[in-house]
Amino acid sequence: FHKYTFPKGEESNIIVDPTSKIFGTTYHT
């Protein structure tokens, strides 16, 4: 469960990166 509290009046984004790894190689997503 992620809970993000954004400041008012700003453009808000959620980035989702399925290629990111701590170690290893991503073949496809």
All heavy atoms as atom14 arrays in JSON, in Angstrom:
{
  "sequence": "FHKYTFPKGEESNIIVDPTSKIFGTTYHT",
  "atom14_mask": [
    [1, 1, 1, 1, 1, 1, 1, 1, 1, 1, 1, 0, 0, 0],
    [1, 1, 1, 1, 1, 1, 1, 1, 1, 1, 0, 0, 0, 0],
    [1, 1, 1, 1, 1, 1, 1, 1, 1, 0, 0, 0, 0, 0],
    [1, 1, 1, 1, 1, 1, 1, 1, 1, 1, 1, 1, 0, 0],
    [1, 1, 1, 1, 1, 1, 1, 0, 0, 0, 0, 0, 0, 0],
    [1, 1, 1, 1, 1, 1, 1, 1, 1, 1, 1, 0, 0, 0],
    [1, 1, 1, 1, 1, 1, 1, 0, 0, 0, 0, 0, 0, 0],
    [1, 1, 1, 1, 1, 1, 1, 1, 1, 0, 0, 0, 0, 0],
    [1, 1, 1, 1, 0, 0, 0, 0, 0, 0, 0, 0, 0, 0],
    [1, 1, 1, 1, 1, 1, 1, 1, 1, 0, 0, 0, 0, 0],
    [1, 1, 1, 1, 1, 1, 1, 1, 1, 0, 0, 0, 0, 0],
    [1, 1, 1, 1, 1, 1, 0, 0, 0, 0, 0, 0, 0, 0],
    [1, 1, 1, 1, 1, 1, 1, 1, 0, 0, 0, 0, 0, 0],
    [1, 1, 1, 1, 1, 1, 1, 1, 0, 0, 0, 0, 0, 0],
    [1, 1, 1, 1, 1, 1, 1, 1, 0, 0, 0, 0, 0, 0],
    [1, 1, 1, 1, 1, 1, 1, 0, 0, 0, 0, 0, 0, 0],
    [1, 1, 1, 1, 1, 1, 1, 1, 0, 0, 0, 0, 0, 0],
    [1, 1, 1, 1, 1, 1, 1, 0, 0, 0, 0, 0, 0, 0],
    [1, 1, 1, 1, 1, 1, 1, 0, 0, 0, 0, 0, 0, 0],
    [1, 1, 1, 1, 1, 1, 0, 0, 0, 0, 0, 0, 0, 0],
    [1, 1, 1, 1, 1, 1, 1, 1, 1, 0, 0, 0, 0, 0],
    [1, 1, 1, 1, 1, 1, 1, 1, 0, 0, 0, 0, 0, 0],
    [1, 1, 1, 1, 1, 1, 1, 1, 1, 1, 1, 0, 0, 0],
    [1, 1, 1, 1, 0, 0, 0, 0, 0, 0, 0, 0, 0, 0],
    [1, 1, 1, 1, 1, 1, 1, 0, 0, 0, 0, 0, 0, 0],
    [1, 1, 1, 1, 1, 1, 1, 0, 0, 0, 0, 0, 0, 0],
    [1, 1, 1, 1, 1, 1, 1, 1, 1, 1, 1, 1, 0, 0],
    [1, 1, 1, 1, 1, 1, 1, 1, 1, 1, 0, 0, 0, 0],
    [1, 1, 1, 1, 1, 1, 1, 0, 0, 0, 0, 0, 0, 0]
  ],
  "atom14_positions": [
    [[0.85, -1.19, 0.0], [0.0, 0.0, 0.0], [0.89, 1.25, 0.0], [1.67, 1.45, 0.93], [-0.9, 0.02, 1.24], [-1.85, -1.14, 1.31], [-1.48, -2.33, 1.92], [-3.13, -1.04, 0.76], [-2.35, -3.4, 2.0], [-4.0, -2.12, 0.82], [-3.63, -3.3, 1.44], [0.0, 0.0, 0.0], [0.0, 0.0, 0.0], [0.0, 0.0, 0.0]],
    [[0.75, 2.07, -1.05], [1.47, 3.34, -1.14], [0.48, 4.46, -0.82], [-0.62, 4.48, -1.4], [1.99, 3.58, -2.56], [2.86, 2.5, -3.13], [4.16, 2.75, -3.54], [2.62, 1.19, -3.39], [4.66, 1.63, -4.04], [3.76, 0.67, -3.95], [0.0, 0.0, 0.0], [0.0, 0.0, 0.0], [0.0, 0.0, 0.0], [0.0, 0.0, 0.0]],
    [[0.88, 5.39, 0.01], [0.08, 6.6, 0.24], [0.99, 7.8, 0.02], [2.01, 7.95, 0.69], [-0.5, 6.64, 1.65], [-1.34, 7.9, 1.91], [-1.88, 7.91, 3.34], [-2.68, 9.17, 3.61], [-3.21, 9.22, 5.0], [0.0, 0.0, 0.0], [0.0, 0.0, 0.0], [0.0, 0.0, 0.0], [0.0, 0.0, 0.0], [0.0, 0.0, 0.0]],
    [[0.61, 8.66, -0.94], [1.4, 9.84, -1.26], [0.54, 11.08, -1.03], [-0.56, 11.19, -1.58], [1.88, 9.8, -2.71], [2.74, 8.6, -3.02], [2.43, 7.74, -4.07], [3.88, 8.32, -2.26], [3.22, 6.64, -4.35], [4.67, 7.22, -2.53], [4.33, 6.38, -3.58], [5.11, 5.29, -3.86], [0.0, 0.0, 0.0], [0.0, 0.0, 0.0]],
    [[1.05, 12.0, -0.23], [0.37, 13.27, 0.03], [1.09, 14.37, -0.73], [2.24, 14.71, -0.42], [0.35, 13.58, 1.53], [-0.25, 12.48, 2.24], [-0.44, 14.84, 1.81], [0.0, 0.0, 0.0], [0.0, 0.0, 0.0], [0.0, 0.0, 0.0], [0.0, 0.0, 0.0], [0.0, 0.0, 0.0], [0.0, 0.0, 0.0], [0.0, 0.0, 0.0]],
    [[0.42, 14.91, -1.75], [1.01, 15.91, -2.63], [0.68, 17.32, -2.14], [-0.36, 17.54, -1.51], [0.46, 15.76, -4.06], [0.88, 14.5, -4.74], [0.14, 13.33, -4.6], [2.01, 14.46, -5.54], [0.52, 12.16, -5.24], [2.4, 13.31, -6.19], [1.65, 12.15, -6.04], [0.0, 0.0, 0.0], [0.0, 0.0, 0.0], [0.0, 0.0, 0.0]],
    [[1.53, 18.31, -2.45], [1.18, 19.7, -2.13], [0.03, 20.18, -3.0], [-0.15, 19.71, -4.13], [2.48, 20.46, -2.45], [3.19, 19.61, -3.44], [2.85, 18.19, -3.09], [0.0, 0.0, 0.0], [0.0, 0.0, 0.0], [0.0, 0.0, 0.0], [0.0, 0.0, 0.0], [0.0, 0.0, 0.0], [0.0, 0.0, 0.0], [0.0, 0.0, 0.0]],
    [[-0.75, 21.11, -2.5], [-1.87, 21.66, -3.26], [-1.38, 22.53, -4.41], [-0.34, 23.17, -4.32], [-2.78, 22.47, -2.35], [-3.53, 21.65, -1.31], [-4.46, 22.51, -0.49], [-5.24, 21.67, 0.51], [-6.14, 22.52, 1.34], [0.0, 0.0, 0.0], [0.0, 0.0, 0.0], [0.0, 0.0, 0.0], [0.0, 0.0, 0.0], [0.0, 0.0, 0.0]],
    [[-2.15, 22.52, -5.5], [-1.88, 23.44, -6.59], [-0.72, 23.06, -7.48], [-0.24, 23.88, -8.26], [0.0, 0.0, 0.0], [0.0, 0.0, 0.0], [0.0, 0.0, 0.0], [0.0, 0.0, 0.0], [0.0, 0.0, 0.0], [0.0, 0.0, 0.0], [0.0, 0.0, 0.0], [0.0, 0.0, 0.0], [0.0, 0.0, 0.0], [0.0, 0.0, 0.0]],
    [[-0.22, 21.85, -7.39], [0.89, 21.41, -8.23], [0.44, 20.29, -9.17], [-0.5, 19.55, -8.87], [2.05, 20.89, -7.37], [2.69, 21.92, -6.46], [3.63, 22.85, -7.2], [3.88, 22.6, -8.4], [4.1, 23.82, -6.58], [0.0, 0.0, 0.0], [0.0, 0.0, 0.0], [0.0, 0.0, 0.0], [0.0, 0.0, 0.0], [0.0, 0.0, 0.0]],
    [[1.11, 20.18, -10.31], [0.88, 19.04, -11.19], [1.5, 17.81, -10.55], [2.7, 17.78, -10.26], [1.5, 19.3, -12.56], [1.32, 18.15, -13.54], [1.96, 18.4, -14.88], [2.41, 19.54, -15.11], [2.03, 17.46, -15.69], [0.0, 0.0, 0.0], [0.0, 0.0, 0.0], [0.0, 0.0, 0.0], [0.0, 0.0, 0.0], [0.0, 0.0, 0.0]],
    [[0.71, 16.77, -10.33], [1.17, 15.58, -9.63], [1.35, 14.42, -10.6], [0.54, 14.22, -11.5], [0.15, 15.18, -8.55], [-0.06, 16.24, -7.65], [0.0, 0.0, 0.0], [0.0, 0.0, 0.0], [0.0, 0.0, 0.0], [0.0, 0.0, 0.0], [0.0, 0.0, 0.0], [0.0, 0.0, 0.0], [0.0, 0.0, 0.0], [0.0, 0.0, 0.0]],
    [[2.44, 13.67, -10.42], [2.76, 12.55, -11.29], [3.03, 11.29, -10.46], [3.55, 11.39, -9.35], [4.01, 12.84, -12.13], [4.0, 14.21, -12.77], [3.09, 14.54, -13.52], [5.01, 15.01, -12.48], [0.0, 0.0, 0.0], [0.0, 0.0, 0.0], [0.0, 0.0, 0.0], [0.0, 0.0, 0.0], [0.0, 0.0, 0.0], [0.0, 0.0, 0.0]],
    [[2.72, 10.14, -11.03], [3.15, 8.85, -10.49], [3.93, 8.14, -11.6], [3.37, 7.81, -12.64], [1.98, 7.97, -10.04], [1.21, 8.62, -8.89], [2.48, 6.59, -9.64], [1.94, 8.61, -7.56], [0.0, 0.0, 0.0], [0.0, 0.0, 0.0], [0.0, 0.0, 0.0], [0.0, 0.0, 0.0], [0.0, 0.0, 0.0], [0.0, 0.0, 0.0]],
    [[5.21, 7.92, -11.39], [6.06, 7.22, -12.35], [6.07, 5.74, -11.98], [6.32, 5.39, -10.82], [7.49, 7.8, -12.35], [7.46, 9.25, -12.83], [8.43, 6.95, -13.21], [8.78, 9.98, -12.62], [0.0, 0.0, 0.0], [0.0, 0.0, 0.0], [0.0, 0.0, 0.0], [0.0, 0.0, 0.0], [0.0, 0.0, 0.0], [0.0, 0.0, 0.0]],
    [[5.81, 4.88, -12.96], [5.89, 3.44, -12.78], [6.95, 2.91, -13.74], [6.82, 3.06, -14.96], [4.53, 2.75, -13.06], [4.66, 1.24, -12.89], [3.46, 3.31, -12.14], [0.0, 0.0, 0.0], [0.0, 0.0, 0.0], [0.0, 0.0, 0.0], [0.0, 0.0, 0.0], [0.0, 0.0, 0.0], [0.0, 0.0, 0.0], [0.0, 0.0, 0.0]],
    [[8.01, 2.32, -13.19], [9.12, 1.83, -14.03], [9.28, 0.33, -13.81], [9.9, -0.11, -12.84], [10.41, 2.55, -13.67], [11.58, 2.14, -14.56], [11.37, 1.29, -15.46], [12.69, 2.67, -14.37], [0.0, 0.0, 0.0], [0.0, 0.0, 0.0], [0.0, 0.0, 0.0], [0.0, 0.0, 0.0], [0.0, 0.0, 0.0], [0.0, 0.0, 0.0]],
    [[8.74, -0.5, -14.71], [8.89, -1.95, -14.57], [10.25, -2.47, -15.01], [10.52, -3.66, -14.85], [7.78, -2.49, -15.47], [7.64, -1.46, -16.53], [7.92, -0.14, -15.87], [0.0, 0.0, 0.0], [0.0, 0.0, 0.0], [0.0, 0.0, 0.0], [0.0, 0.0, 0.0], [0.0, 0.0, 0.0], [0.0, 0.0, 0.0], [0.0, 0.0, 0.0]],
    [[11.12, -1.61, -15.54], [12.44, -2.04, -15.98], [13.48, -1.94, -14.88], [14.57, -2.51, -14.99], [12.92, -1.22, -17.19], [13.21, 0.13, -16.77], [11.88, -1.19, -18.29], [0.0, 0.0, 0.0], [0.0, 0.0, 0.0], [0.0, 0.0, 0.0], [0.0, 0.0, 0.0], [0.0, 0.0, 0.0], [0.0, 0.0, 0.0], [0.0, 0.0, 0.0]],
    [[13.19, -1.19, -13.83], [14.17, -0.95, -12.77], [14.44, -2.22, -11.97], [13.52, -2.96, -11.63], [13.68, 0.15, -11.83], [14.63, 0.43, -10.82], [0.0, 0.0, 0.0], [0.0, 0.0, 0.0], [0.0, 0.0, 0.0], [0.0, 0.0, 0.0], [0.0, 0.0, 0.0], [0.0, 0.0, 0.0], [0.0, 0.0, 0.0], [0.0, 0.0, 0.0]],
    [[15.72, -2.49, -11.67], [16.14, -3.64, -10.86], [17.28, -3.21, -9.93], [18.08, -2.35, -10.28], [16.65, -4.8, -11.73], [15.68, -5.27, -12.8], [14.48, -5.96, -12.19], [13.45, -6.24, -13.27], [12.12, -6.46, -12.74], [0.0, 0.0, 0.0], [0.0, 0.0, 0.0], [0.0, 0.0, 0.0], [0.0, 0.0, 0.0], [0.0, 0.0, 0.0]],
    [[17.35, -3.85, -8.77], [18.52, -3.64, -7.92], [19.73, -4.32, -8.53], [20.85, -3.82, -8.45], [18.24, -4.18, -6.5], [17.13, -3.34, -5.86], [19.49, -4.16, -5.64], [16.65, -3.86, -4.52], [0.0, 0.0, 0.0], [0.0, 0.0, 0.0], [0.0, 0.0, 0.0], [0.0, 0.0, 0.0], [0.0, 0.0, 0.0], [0.0, 0.0, 0.0]],
    [[19.51, -5.47, -9.18], [20.58, -6.2, -9.85], [19.97, -7.08, -10.93], [18.89, -7.63, -10.74], [21.36, -7.06, -8.86], [22.42, -7.93, -9.49], [23.66, -7.42, -9.82], [22.15, -9.27, -9.77], [24.63, -8.22, -10.41], [23.1, -10.07, -10.36], [24.35, -9.55, -10.68], [0.0, 0.0, 0.0], [0.0, 0.0, 0.0], [0.0, 0.0, 0.0]],
    [[20.64, -7.19, -12.07], [20.17, -8.11, -13.1], [19.82, -7.4, -14.39], [20.06, -6.21, -14.57], [0.0, 0.0, 0.0], [0.0, 0.0, 0.0], [0.0, 0.0, 0.0], [0.0, 0.0, 0.0], [0.0, 0.0, 0.0], [0.0, 0.0, 0.0], [0.0, 0.0, 0.0], [0.0, 0.0, 0.0], [0.0, 0.0, 0.0], [0.0, 0.0, 0.0]],
    [[19.2, -8.13, -15.29], [18.86, -7.65, -16.62], [17.37, -7.83, -16.87], [16.81, -8.89, -16.6], [19.64, -8.43, -17.7], [21.04, -8.27, -17.47], [19.3, -7.94, -19.09], [0.0, 0.0, 0.0], [0.0, 0.0, 0.0], [0.0, 0.0, 0.0], [0.0, 0.0, 0.0], [0.0, 0.0, 0.0], [0.0, 0.0, 0.0], [0.0, 0.0, 0.0]],
    [[16.72, -6.78, -17.37], [15.31, -6.87, -17.75], [15.22, -7.25, -19.22], [15.76, -6.57, -20.09], [14.61, -5.52, -17.51], [14.73, -5.16, -16.14], [13.15, -5.61, -17.88], [0.0, 0.0, 0.0], [0.0, 0.0, 0.0], [0.0, 0.0, 0.0], [0.0, 0.0, 0.0], [0.0, 0.0, 0.0], [0.0, 0.0, 0.0], [0.0, 0.0, 0.0]],
    [[14.5, -8.35, -19.51], [14.34, -8.81, -20.89], [13.17, -8.1, -21.58], [13.32, -7.59, -22.69], [14.13, -10.32, -20.92], [15.32, -11.11, -20.47], [15.21, -12.07, -19.47], [16.57, -10.9, -21.04], [16.3, -12.81, -19.05], [17.68, -11.63, -20.63], [17.54, -12.58, -19.64], [18.63, -13.31, -19.22], [0.0, 0.0, 0.0], [0.0, 0.0, 0.0]],
    [[12.02, -8.1, -20.97], [10.91, -7.35, -21.54], [9.86, -7.1, -20.47], [9.81, -7.79, -19.43], [10.29, -8.05, -22.76], [9.82, -9.45, -22.52], [8.59, -9.76, -21.98], [10.43, -10.64, -22.75], [8.44, -11.07, -21.91], [9.54, -11.63, -22.36], [0.0, 0.0, 0.0], [0.0, 0.0, 0.0], [0.0, 0.0, 0.0], [0.0, 0.0, 0.0]],
    [[9.02, -6.09, -20.73], [7.97, -5.69, -19.79], [6.68, -5.43, -20.56], [6.68, -5.27, -21.78], [8.35, -4.41, -19.01], [8.43, -3.32, -19.94], [9.67, -4.57, -18.3], [0.0, 0.0, 0.0], [0.0, 0.0, 0.0], [0.0, 0.0, 0.0], [0.0, 0.0, 0.0], [0.0, 0.0, 0.0], [0.0, 0.0, 0.0], [0.0, 0.0, 0.0]]
  ]
}
